[in-house]
Amino acid sequence: MPFIRRIPIRIHIWGGFGSQLFGYVTAERLKRKFPRRKIILLFHTSGVTKRELELPARLLIGSTVIRIDDFRAPLDKSQSKRPNISRRFRTVLIDQLVRIGILARLNSEVDFRRLRKWVVDVRGHYSNVTFTYEELVTLYDSLQITDQADQDLSDVTLHYRLGDLLELEQKGPISIERLASILNRIKETSILQIYSDSPKEALSRIKEISNPKLVVESEQASSLEVISRGCKSPIFIGTNSKLSVWIAVLKFVSSKESEIYMPRESFPQLEMNLPEPRTAQRILFY
């Protein structure tokens, strides 16, 4: 079916920088699988909180980018319970398109293997995949993370996700007690650099930990800068965030020896994402 080559593949992407990176890797895979077809990336602002496109322009070369401002403020409970006929019809239509392969939900390696050559629309979170070492090296280089020493590099880097987790009912941030179980192990005077989407709250919480060996600092930085500094830090402590997962995964591409601490809840995700599942055993889970 030569005409299929003239039909572009639309990849829908939601979420922050970490989720967008999963979408980017998906796009690169589809470029290799369908080299003659045009790739269109649709970045949505919708979700629990409004999200903007954060990927650097150099990662988007070769793709058409469309931004869709579809964020809507959450409805109150009385409104959310009202029946929505158009939404039900849309759900049924999408299910039918998935069955015949025109639309695909790409959330796992199995989904990638089932992908039909006539697919035109791709949706999903794209995160339950196993990266190849080559994919990670290419991404590491594309993000321009280097192994060169930084003069301002801290001894310990903590990525502490708070933000919307402070307000959500169904889940919350990592407790300060769990972080203390890691930070109190530090016996030498060290600079602890905190990166968070709620920097003041993060700094306030961490200062509750009474380890005199820690010199605590907080700095605002872009998501890309956080990944770069986390990857190069001798000790990295992550929390429940895709950004932390990416740092933990990409640190295995670096030639530097380092310690990685991640929440125990992230073990299945990391075991799945890493090229060698046994590599996850080198991460210290708390």
Protein backbone atom coordinates (compact mmCIF):
# COMPACT_ATOMS: atom_id res chain seq x y z
CA MET A 1 0.00 0.00 0.00
CA PRO A 2 2.29 2.80 -1.25
CA PHE A 3 -0.30 5.49 -0.46
CA ILE A 4 0.18 4.78 3.25
CA ARG A 5 3.65 6.36 3.04
CA ARG A 6 2.00 9.72 2.28
CA ILE A 7 -0.08 9.63 5.47
CA PRO A 8 1.74 11.07 8.53
CA ILE A 9 1.82 9.42 11.94
CA ARG A 10 0.50 11.65 14.73
CA ILE A 11 1.99 11.05 18.19
CA HIS A 12 0.08 12.56 21.11
CA ILE A 13 2.15 13.53 24.15
CA TRP A 14 0.97 14.65 27.57
CA GLY A 15 2.76 15.52 30.81
CA GLY A 16 5.95 17.24 31.88
CA PHE A 17 9.55 16.86 30.74
CA GLY A 18 9.92 13.25 31.87
CA SER A 19 6.77 12.14 30.04
CA GLN A 20 7.78 14.16 26.98
CA LEU A 21 11.10 12.28 26.86
CA PHE A 22 9.21 8.98 26.69
CA GLY A 23 7.19 10.44 23.82
CA TYR A 24 10.39 11.55 22.10
CA VAL A 25 11.91 8.05 22.30
CA THR A 26 8.66 6.67 20.86
CA ALA A 27 8.91 9.11 17.95
CA GLU A 28 12.49 8.05 17.25
CA ARG A 29 11.45 4.40 17.23
CA LEU A 30 8.64 5.12 14.77
CA LYS A 31 11.02 7.07 12.52
CA ARG A 32 13.22 3.97 12.30
CA LYS A 33 10.26 1.65 11.76
CA PHE A 34 8.57 3.86 9.15
CA PRO A 35 11.46 5.84 7.59
CA ARG A 36 9.37 7.18 4.69
CA ARG A 37 6.51 8.56 6.76
CA LYS A 38 6.24 12.02 8.26
CA ILE A 39 6.08 12.24 12.07
CA ILE A 40 3.86 14.83 13.76
CA LEU A 41 4.26 15.43 17.51
CA LEU A 42 1.18 16.84 19.25
CA PHE A 43 2.00 18.24 22.70
CA HIS A 44 -1.10 18.59 24.90
CA THR A 45 -1.35 20.94 27.87
CA SER A 46 -4.17 18.90 29.48
CA GLY A 47 -3.75 16.82 32.62
CA VAL A 48 -3.98 17.24 36.38
CA THR A 49 -1.91 20.42 35.98
CA LYS A 50 -1.23 22.43 32.85
CA ARG A 51 1.94 21.35 31.06
CA GLU A 52 3.98 23.15 28.43
CA LEU A 53 6.44 21.86 25.85
CA GLU A 54 9.85 21.57 27.54
CA LEU A 55 11.92 19.49 25.15
CA PRO A 56 14.86 21.38 23.62
CA ALA A 57 14.42 22.32 19.96
CA ARG A 58 17.37 20.14 18.91
CA LEU A 59 15.39 17.00 19.84
CA LEU A 60 12.50 18.03 17.59
CA ILE A 61 14.45 18.43 14.37
CA GLY A 62 12.89 16.29 11.65
CA SER A 63 9.43 16.26 13.25
CA THR A 64 6.46 18.57 12.80
CA VAL A 65 5.42 19.99 16.18
CA ILE A 66 1.88 21.07 17.07
CA ARG A 67 0.92 22.47 20.47
CA ILE A 68 -2.64 21.81 21.65
CA ASP A 69 -3.91 23.98 24.50
CA ASP A 70 -6.61 21.67 25.85
CA PHE A 71 -6.10 22.10 29.59
CA ARG A 72 -9.32 22.56 31.54
CA ALA A 73 -9.67 23.34 35.22
CA PRO A 74 -10.95 20.35 37.23
CA LEU A 75 -14.74 20.16 37.52
CA ASP A 76 -16.41 19.87 40.89
CA LYS A 77 -17.81 16.47 41.85
CA SER A 78 -21.40 17.31 40.90
CA GLN A 79 -20.36 18.29 37.37
CA SER A 80 -18.03 15.35 36.87
CA LYS A 81 -20.84 12.85 37.55
CA ARG A 82 -23.08 14.19 34.77
CA PRO A 83 -23.40 11.76 31.82
CA ASN A 84 -21.55 12.85 28.71
CA ILE A 85 -22.94 11.16 25.59
CA SER A 86 -20.32 12.61 23.25
CA ARG A 87 -17.53 11.32 25.51
CA ARG A 88 -19.03 7.82 25.49
CA PHE A 89 -19.35 7.85 21.70
CA ARG A 90 -15.75 9.02 21.38
CA THR A 91 -14.57 6.18 23.64
CA VAL A 92 -16.41 3.59 21.54
CA LEU A 93 -15.03 5.08 18.31
CA ILE A 94 -11.44 5.04 19.64
CA ASP A 95 -11.79 1.40 20.72
CA GLN A 96 -12.89 0.46 17.20
CA LEU A 97 -9.99 2.34 15.60
CA VAL A 98 -7.57 0.56 17.95
CA ARG A 99 -8.98 -2.83 16.94
CA ILE A 100 -8.36 -2.24 13.25
CA GLY A 101 -4.93 -0.70 13.86
CA ILE A 102 -5.52 2.85 12.60
CA LEU A 103 -5.03 4.13 16.15
CA ALA A 104 -2.50 2.57 18.51
CA ARG A 105 -1.94 2.74 22.23
CA LEU A 106 1.81 2.36 22.73
CA ASN A 107 2.52 1.71 26.39
CA SER A 108 4.69 -1.39 26.24
CA GLU A 109 7.03 -3.46 24.08
CA VAL A 110 4.10 -5.76 23.26
CA ASP A 111 2.17 -2.76 21.90
CA PHE A 112 5.16 -1.85 19.70
CA ARG A 113 5.31 -5.37 18.28
CA ARG A 114 1.58 -5.27 17.47
CA LEU A 115 1.83 -1.96 15.63
CA ARG A 116 0.23 -2.08 12.16
CA LYS A 117 1.86 -0.46 9.14
CA TRP A 118 -1.30 1.56 8.44
CA VAL A 119 -1.31 3.26 11.86
CA VAL A 120 -1.96 7.02 11.69
CA ASP A 121 -2.56 8.04 15.31
CA VAL A 122 -0.57 7.02 18.41
CA ARG A 123 -1.50 7.65 22.05
CA GLY A 124 -0.23 6.47 25.42
CA HIS A 125 2.21 7.14 28.23
CA TYR A 126 4.94 5.20 26.36
CA SER A 127 6.79 4.39 29.59
CA ASN A 128 6.56 0.60 30.05
CA VAL A 129 9.35 -0.09 27.59
CA THR A 130 12.86 -1.49 27.72
CA PHE A 131 15.45 0.84 26.26
CA THR A 132 18.38 -0.44 24.28
CA TYR A 133 21.81 0.75 25.36
CA GLU A 134 22.14 2.47 21.97
CA GLU A 135 18.92 4.43 22.57
CA LEU A 136 20.19 5.67 25.93
CA VAL A 137 23.60 6.66 24.58
CA THR A 138 21.94 8.57 21.72
CA LEU A 139 19.61 10.35 24.13
CA TYR A 140 22.47 11.11 26.55
CA ASP A 141 24.42 12.73 23.73
CA SER A 142 21.35 14.54 22.34
CA LEU A 143 20.67 16.08 25.75
CA GLN A 144 24.31 17.20 25.70
CA ILE A 145 25.13 15.68 29.07
CA THR A 146 28.89 15.42 29.41
CA ASP A 147 31.08 13.59 31.89
CA GLN A 148 33.33 16.59 32.35
CA ALA A 149 33.60 17.79 35.93
CA ASP A 150 31.67 20.91 36.89
CA GLN A 151 33.25 23.30 39.36
CA ASP A 152 29.86 24.01 40.93
CA LEU A 153 28.76 20.38 41.11
CA SER A 154 27.33 19.43 44.50
CA ASP A 155 28.31 16.32 46.46
CA VAL A 156 24.72 15.13 46.77
CA THR A 157 21.82 15.96 44.44
CA LEU A 158 18.22 15.48 45.54
CA HIS A 159 15.31 15.74 43.13
CA TYR A 160 12.30 16.19 45.38
CA ARG A 161 9.01 16.16 43.53
CA LEU A 162 6.27 18.04 45.38
CA GLY A 163 4.13 20.39 43.25
CA ASP A 164 0.70 18.88 42.59
CA LEU A 165 1.45 16.00 44.99
CA LEU A 166 0.87 18.45 47.84
CA GLU A 167 -2.77 18.81 46.78
CA LEU A 168 -3.77 15.45 45.30
CA GLU A 169 -5.91 13.16 47.43
CA GLN A 170 -4.93 9.85 45.82
CA LYS A 171 -1.17 10.17 46.25
CA GLY A 172 1.39 12.32 48.03
CA PRO A 173 5.11 13.11 48.10
CA ILE A 174 7.86 11.00 49.67
CA SER A 175 7.86 11.59 53.41
CA ILE A 176 10.70 13.45 55.07
CA GLU A 177 11.29 10.40 57.30
CA ARG A 178 12.13 8.26 54.28
CA LEU A 179 14.54 10.86 52.90
CA ALA A 180 16.11 11.19 56.35
CA SER A 181 16.90 7.46 56.30
CA ILE A 182 19.24 8.19 53.37
CA LEU A 183 20.57 11.64 54.23
CA ASN A 184 21.49 10.68 57.80
CA ARG A 185 23.92 8.08 56.41
CA ILE A 186 26.19 10.84 55.13
CA LYS A 187 29.16 11.08 57.51
CA GLU A 188 31.37 13.55 55.67
CA THR A 189 30.68 17.25 55.21
CA SER A 190 28.75 17.47 51.95
CA ILE A 191 26.84 20.01 49.91
CA LEU A 192 23.26 18.83 49.35
CA GLN A 193 21.67 20.54 46.36
CA ILE A 194 17.88 20.31 46.20
CA TYR A 195 15.91 20.62 42.97
CA SER A 196 12.14 20.72 43.27
CA ASP A 197 8.99 22.05 41.63
CA SER A 198 8.23 23.55 45.06
CA PRO A 199 11.69 24.77 46.12
CA LYS A 200 10.71 26.69 49.27
CA GLU A 201 8.62 23.82 50.61
CA ALA A 202 11.35 21.30 49.75
CA LEU A 203 14.02 23.36 51.53
CA SER A 204 11.79 23.76 54.58
CA ARG A 205 11.20 20.02 54.80
CA ILE A 206 14.83 18.99 54.30
CA LYS A 207 16.01 21.42 56.99
CA GLU A 208 14.02 19.34 59.48
CA ILE A 209 16.70 16.67 59.07
CA SER A 210 19.34 17.27 61.71
CA ASN A 211 22.51 16.07 60.03
CA PRO A 212 25.26 18.61 60.83
CA LYS A 213 27.39 17.26 57.99
CA LEU A 214 24.95 18.53 55.37
CA VAL A 215 25.23 21.99 53.87
CA VAL A 216 21.77 22.36 52.33
CA GLU A 217 21.17 24.53 49.28
CA SER A 218 18.18 24.93 46.99
CA GLU A 219 18.28 26.14 43.41
CA GLN A 220 15.75 26.57 40.64
CA ALA A 221 16.74 25.02 37.33
CA SER A 222 15.12 23.79 34.16
CA SER A 223 14.20 20.12 33.89
CA LEU A 224 17.06 19.59 31.45
CA GLU A 225 19.54 21.18 33.88
CA VAL A 226 18.23 18.97 36.71
CA ILE A 227 18.79 15.85 34.59
CA SER A 228 22.27 16.98 33.61
CA ARG A 229 23.34 17.79 37.17
CA GLY A 230 21.70 14.70 38.60
CA CYS A 231 23.52 12.51 36.07
CA LYS A 232 26.89 14.01 36.98
CA SER A 233 26.42 14.12 40.75
CA PRO A 234 28.44 11.58 42.82
CA ILE A 235 25.32 10.81 44.86
CA PHE A 236 21.80 11.13 43.43
CA ILE A 237 18.61 10.76 45.45
CA GLY A 238 15.39 10.55 43.47
CA THR A 239 11.72 10.57 44.40
CA ASN A 240 8.52 9.36 42.72
CA SER A 241 8.88 11.23 39.45
CA LYS A 242 9.58 10.36 35.81
CA LEU A 243 12.36 12.95 35.93
CA SER A 244 14.06 11.00 38.73
CA VAL A 245 13.59 7.77 36.77
CA TRP A 246 15.28 9.30 33.73
CA ILE A 247 18.24 10.46 35.83
CA ALA A 248 18.63 7.00 37.35
CA VAL A 249 18.47 5.36 33.91
CA LEU A 250 20.82 7.81 32.17
CA LYS A 251 23.40 7.61 34.97
CA PHE A 252 24.22 4.10 33.74
CA VAL A 253 25.41 5.63 30.45
CA SER A 254 27.86 7.86 32.30
CA SER A 255 31.38 6.58 32.84
CA LYS A 256 31.46 7.99 36.38
CA GLU A 257 30.97 5.85 39.44
CA SER A 258 28.11 7.09 41.60
CA GLU A 259 25.50 6.11 44.14
CA ILE A 260 21.83 6.11 43.15
CA TYR A 261 18.98 6.08 45.67
CA MET A 262 15.40 5.66 44.48
CA PRO A 263 12.04 4.98 46.19
CA ARG A 264 11.21 1.28 46.40
CA GLU A 265 7.98 1.96 44.44
CA SER A 266 10.09 2.80 41.37
CA PHE A 267 11.80 -0.62 41.21
CA PRO A 268 9.35 -2.19 38.68
CA GLN A 269 9.63 0.86 36.41
CA LEU A 270 13.43 0.90 36.48
CA GLU A 271 13.72 -2.86 36.07
CA MET A 272 11.58 -2.53 32.95
CA ASN A 273 13.33 0.54 31.47
CA LEU A 274 16.96 -0.52 31.93
CA PRO A 275 18.55 -2.52 29.09
CA GLU A 276 19.65 -5.16 31.59
CA PRO A 277 17.03 -5.74 34.33
CA ARG A 278 19.77 -6.90 36.71
CA THR A 279 21.25 -3.41 36.48
CA ALA A 280 18.42 -2.20 38.72
CA GLN A 281 20.05 -4.17 41.54
CA ARG A 282 22.86 -1.60 41.55
CA ILE A 283 20.35 1.04 42.63
CA LEU A 284 19.78 1.44 46.36
CA PHE A 285 16.06 1.50 47.07
CA TYR A 286 14.67 3.15 50.20
